[in-house]
């Protein structure tokens, strides 16, 4: 059980973060992306088991992201909701490209820990999107 203790701690953190942000998808997305950035930082700069648990636990925090991104992105599209949602589904390709880029950077830099800044940048964008980028604005011409 001692081996799985870090995972259970991250699981409890996941449940708490979800509870506090459950009514605001943008805030929830930002909180979970921020926690993922912290876990990536732990994984990048630690040589202990914490590095492994950091990477493994990111999956817990990714679990909520897609539904919140989808909710924020199609909000207010009206008659264009079906087109917008189909574009979002096609953009899943980004999830297939980033691991390739991270792996290539890891080959160049000599290790995966050094290359984890690539997903960290992605999580920073998601954090911004949850807080600011998903806000609807009036376009004036």
C-alpha atoms as a PDB file:
ATOM      1  CA  UNK A   1       0.000   0.000   0.000  1.00  0.00           C
ATOM      2  CA  UNK A   2       2.958   2.298   0.620  1.00  0.00           C
ATOM      3  CA  UNK A   3       3.794   2.069  -3.072  1.00  0.00           C
ATOM      4  CA  UNK A   4       0.376   3.417  -4.082  1.00  0.00           C
ATOM      5  CA  UNK A   5       0.125   6.138  -1.424  1.00  0.00           C
ATOM      6  CA  UNK A   6       1.245   8.970  -3.758  1.00  0.00           C
ATOM      7  CA  UNK A   7      -1.384   7.920  -6.297  1.00  0.00           C
ATOM      8  CA  UNK A   8      -4.129   7.981  -3.675  1.00  0.00           C
ATOM      9  CA  UNK A   9      -3.001  11.424  -2.544  1.00  0.00           C
ATOM     10  CA  UNK A  10      -3.243  12.689  -6.134  1.00  0.00           C
ATOM     11  CA  UNK A  11      -6.643  10.994  -6.480  1.00  0.00           C
ATOM     12  CA  UNK A  12      -7.902  12.823  -3.377  1.00  0.00           C
ATOM     13  CA  UNK A  13      -6.515  16.086  -4.770  1.00  0.00           C
ATOM     14  CA  UNK A  14      -8.339  15.384  -8.041  1.00  0.00           C
ATOM     15  CA  UNK A  15     -11.655  14.869  -6.256  1.00  0.00           C
ATOM     16  CA  UNK A  16     -11.208  18.021  -4.166  1.00  0.00           C
ATOM     17  CA  UNK A  17     -10.296  20.141  -7.186  1.00  0.00           C
ATOM     18  CA  UNK A  18     -13.302  18.811  -9.085  1.00  0.00           C
ATOM     19  CA  UNK A  19     -15.612  19.517  -6.151  1.00  0.00           C
ATOM     20  CA  UNK A  20     -14.506  23.131  -5.802  1.00  0.00           C
ATOM     21  CA  UNK A  21     -14.687  23.913  -9.514  1.00  0.00           C
ATOM     22  CA  UNK A  22     -17.596  21.752 -10.640  1.00  0.00           C
ATOM     23  CA  UNK A  23     -19.977  24.601 -11.456  1.00  0.00           C
ATOM     24  CA  UNK A  24     -17.445  26.600 -13.484  1.00  0.00           C
ATOM     25  CA  UNK A  25     -15.908  24.594 -16.352  1.00  0.00           C
ATOM     26  CA  UNK A  26     -13.314  27.293 -17.151  1.00  0.00           C
ATOM     27  CA  UNK A  27     -12.095  27.407 -13.565  1.00  0.00           C
ATOM     28  CA  UNK A  28     -12.063  23.613 -13.326  1.00  0.00           C
ATOM     29  CA  UNK A  29     -10.033  23.363 -16.537  1.00  0.00           C
ATOM     30  CA  UNK A  30      -7.552  25.950 -15.264  1.00  0.00           C
ATOM     31  CA  UNK A  31      -7.169  24.271 -11.866  1.00  0.00           C
ATOM     32  CA  UNK A  32      -6.588  20.851 -13.403  1.00  0.00           C
ATOM     33  CA  UNK A  33      -4.153  22.224 -15.999  1.00  0.00           C
ATOM     34  CA  UNK A  34      -2.276  24.056 -13.227  1.00  0.00           C
ATOM     35  CA  UNK A  35      -1.999  20.881 -11.164  1.00  0.00           C
ATOM     36  CA  UNK A  36      -0.749  19.039 -14.264  1.00  0.00           C
ATOM     37  CA  UNK A  37       1.951  21.697 -14.713  1.00  0.00           C
ATOM     38  CA  UNK A  38       3.041  21.211 -11.095  1.00  0.00           C
ATOM     39  CA  UNK A  39       3.132  17.426 -11.569  1.00  0.00           C
ATOM     40  CA  UNK A  40       5.203  17.851 -14.740  1.00  0.00           C
ATOM     41  CA  UNK A  41       7.584  20.097 -12.796  1.00  0.00           C
ATOM     42  CA  UNK A  42       7.948  17.417 -10.133  1.00  0.00           C
ATOM     43  CA  UNK A  43       8.590  14.846 -12.846  1.00  0.00           C
ATOM     44  CA  UNK A  44      11.147  17.041 -14.600  1.00  0.00           C
ATOM     45  CA  UNK A  45      13.223  17.913 -11.564  1.00  0.00           C
ATOM     46  CA  UNK A  46      12.944  14.819  -9.379  1.00  0.00           C
ATOM     47  CA  UNK A  47      14.944  11.627  -9.604  1.00  0.00           C
ATOM     48  CA  UNK A  48      12.887   9.709  -7.054  1.00  0.00           C
ATOM     49  CA  UNK A  49       9.642   7.760  -7.415  1.00  0.00           C
ATOM     50  CA  UNK A  50       7.876  11.130  -7.263  1.00  0.00           C
ATOM     51  CA  UNK A  51       8.864  11.676 -10.917  1.00  0.00           C
ATOM     52  CA  UNK A  52       7.100   8.483 -11.947  1.00  0.00           C
ATOM     53  CA  UNK A  53       4.022   9.211  -9.826  1.00  0.00           C
ATOM     54  CA  UNK A  54       3.859  12.738 -11.170  1.00  0.00           C
ATOM     55  CA  UNK A  55       3.616  11.547 -14.767  1.00  0.00           C
ATOM     56  CA  UNK A  56       1.183   8.754 -13.911  1.00  0.00           C
ATOM     57  CA  UNK A  57      -1.073  11.062 -11.921  1.00  0.00           C
ATOM     58  CA  UNK A  58      -1.408  13.555 -14.752  1.00  0.00           C
ATOM     59  CA  UNK A  59      -3.888  11.121 -16.292  1.00  0.00           C
ATOM     60  CA  UNK A  60      -6.229  11.731 -13.362  1.00  0.00           C
ATOM     61  CA  UNK A  61      -6.226  15.442 -14.074  1.00  0.00           C
ATOM     62  CA  UNK A  62      -6.594  14.936 -17.827  1.00  0.00           C
ATOM     63  CA  UNK A  63      -9.785  12.974 -17.228  1.00  0.00           C
ATOM     64  CA  UNK A  64     -11.892  16.106 -16.786  1.00  0.00           C
ATOM     65  CA  UNK A  65     -10.298  18.299 -19.429  1.00  0.00           C
ATOM     66  CA  UNK A  66     -11.933  17.169 -22.675  1.00  0.00           C
ATOM     67  CA  UNK A  67     -15.489  17.579 -21.428  1.00  0.00           C
ATOM     68  CA  UNK A  68     -14.720  21.058 -20.099  1.00  0.00           C
ATOM     69  CA  UNK A  69     -12.887  22.160 -23.252  1.00  0.00           C
ATOM     70  CA  UNK A  70     -15.820  20.926 -25.328  1.00  0.00           C
ATOM     71  CA  UNK A  71     -18.361  22.718 -23.127  1.00  0.00           C
ATOM     72  CA  UNK A  72     -16.441  25.994 -23.259  1.00  0.00           C
ATOM     73  CA  UNK A  73     -15.746  25.806 -26.994  1.00  0.00           C
ATOM     74  CA  UNK A  74     -19.305  25.194 -28.227  1.00  0.00           C
ATOM     75  CA  UNK A  75     -20.965  27.607 -25.813  1.00  0.00           C
ATOM     76  CA  UNK A  76     -22.884  30.252 -27.721  1.00  0.00           C
ATOM     77  CA  UNK A  77     -22.381  28.777 -31.206  1.00  0.00           C
ATOM     78  CA  UNK A  78     -26.118  28.506 -31.771  1.00  0.00           C
ATOM     79  CA  UNK A  79     -26.900  27.052 -35.195  1.00  0.00           C
ATOM     80  CA  UNK A  80     -23.172  26.380 -35.738  1.00  0.00           C
ATOM     81  CA  UNK A  81     -22.889  24.003 -32.766  1.00  0.00           C
ATOM     82  CA  UNK A  82     -22.740  20.850 -34.917  1.00  0.00           C
ATOM     83  CA  UNK A  83     -20.015  22.326 -37.145  1.00  0.00           C
ATOM     84  CA  UNK A  84     -18.052  23.568 -34.145  1.00  0.00           C
ATOM     85  CA  UNK A  85     -18.266  20.238 -32.365  1.00  0.00           C
ATOM     86  CA  UNK A  86     -17.131  18.356 -35.491  1.00  0.00           C
ATOM     87  CA  UNK A  87     -14.091  20.650 -35.750  1.00  0.00           C
ATOM     88  CA  UNK A  88     -13.293  19.991 -32.096  1.00  0.00           C
ATOM     89  CA  UNK A  89     -13.421  16.249 -32.686  1.00  0.00           C
ATOM     90  CA  UNK A  90     -11.020  16.625 -35.632  1.00  0.00           C
ATOM     91  CA  UNK A  91      -8.653  18.635 -33.446  1.00  0.00           C
ATOM     92  CA  UNK A  92      -8.021  15.538 -31.360  1.00  0.00           C
ATOM     93  CA  UNK A  93      -5.163  15.051 -33.817  1.00  0.00           C
ATOM     94  CA  UNK A  94      -3.189  17.490 -31.660  1.00  0.00           C
ATOM     95  CA  UNK A  95      -3.201  14.846 -28.949  1.00  0.00           C
ATOM     96  CA  UNK A  96      -1.478  12.507 -31.386  1.00  0.00           C
ATOM     97  CA  UNK A  97       1.088  15.051 -32.577  1.00  0.00           C
ATOM     98  CA  UNK A  98       2.318  16.320 -29.201  1.00  0.00           C
ATOM     99  CA  UNK A  99       3.667  12.940 -27.973  1.00  0.00           C
ATOM    100  CA  UNK A 100       5.624  12.633 -31.227  1.00  0.00           C
ATOM    101  CA  UNK A 101       7.090  16.122 -30.768  1.00  0.00           C
ATOM    102  CA  UNK A 102       7.893  15.387 -27.120  1.00  0.00           C
ATOM    103  CA  UNK A 103       9.611  12.139 -28.111  1.00  0.00           C
ATOM    104  CA  UNK A 104      11.635  13.889 -30.805  1.00  0.00           C
ATOM    105  CA  UNK A 105      12.717  16.610 -28.354  1.00  0.00           C
ATOM    106  CA  UNK A 106      13.603  13.879 -25.827  1.00  0.00           C
ATOM    107  CA  UNK A 107      15.865  12.244 -28.422  1.00  0.00           C
ATOM    108  CA  UNK A 108      17.581  15.561 -29.097  1.00  0.00           C
ATOM    109  CA  UNK A 109      17.916  16.583 -25.442  1.00  0.00           C
ATOM    110  CA  UNK A 110      18.917  13.143 -24.182  1.00  0.00           C
ATOM    111  CA  UNK A 111      15.946  12.194 -22.026  1.00  0.00           C
ATOM    112  CA  UNK A 112      12.240  12.403 -21.454  1.00  0.00           C
ATOM    113  CA  UNK A 113      12.484  14.441 -18.268  1.00  0.00           C
ATOM    114  CA  UNK A 114      14.037  17.334 -20.164  1.00  0.00           C
ATOM    115  CA  UNK A 115      11.354  17.134 -22.881  1.00  0.00           C
ATOM    116  CA  UNK A 116       8.407  17.454 -20.498  1.00  0.00           C
ATOM    117  CA  UNK A 117       8.401  21.201 -21.061  1.00  0.00           C
ATOM    118  CA  UNK A 118       6.481  20.494 -24.309  1.00  0.00           C
ATOM    119  CA  UNK A 119       3.346  19.205 -22.548  1.00  0.00           C
ATOM    120  CA  UNK A 120       3.846  21.880 -19.866  1.00  0.00           C
ATOM    121  CA  UNK A 121       3.447  24.553 -22.559  1.00  0.00           C
ATOM    122  CA  UNK A 122       0.245  22.842 -23.696  1.00  0.00           C
ATOM    123  CA  UNK A 123      -1.118  22.836 -20.148  1.00  0.00           C
ATOM    124  CA  UNK A 124      -0.219  26.515 -19.800  1.00  0.00           C
ATOM    125  CA  UNK A 125      -2.334  27.229 -22.861  1.00  0.00           C
ATOM    126  CA  UNK A 126      -5.222  25.200 -21.422  1.00  0.00           C
ATOM    127  CA  UNK A 127      -4.921  27.113 -18.166  1.00  0.00           C
ATOM    128  CA  UNK A 128      -5.129  30.411 -20.071  1.00  0.00           C
ATOM    129  CA  UNK A 129      -8.024  29.115 -22.176  1.00  0.00           C
ATOM    130  CA  UNK A 130     -10.000  28.159 -19.084  1.00  0.00           C
ATOM    131  CA  UNK A 131      -9.468  31.527 -17.417  1.00  0.00           C
ATOM    132  CA  UNK A 132      -9.498  33.999 -20.319  1.00  0.00           C
ATOM    133  CA  UNK A 133      -9.492  32.452 -23.784  1.00  0.00           C
ATOM    134  CA  UNK A 134     -12.928  30.877 -23.598  1.00  0.00           C
ATOM    135  CA  UNK A 135     -14.673  34.110 -22.625  1.00  0.00           C
ATOM    136  CA  UNK A 136     -17.022  35.339 -25.309  1.00  0.00           C
ATOM    137  CA  UNK A 137     -16.451  38.858 -26.576  1.00  0.00           C
ATOM    138  CA  UNK A 138     -18.394  41.117 -28.861  1.00  0.00           C
ATOM    139  CA  UNK A 139     -16.734  41.766 -32.200  1.00  0.00           C
ATOM    140  CA  UNK A 140     -17.110  45.330 -33.355  1.00  0.00           C
ATOM    141  CA  UNK A 141     -16.600  46.302 -36.952  1.00  0.00           C
END
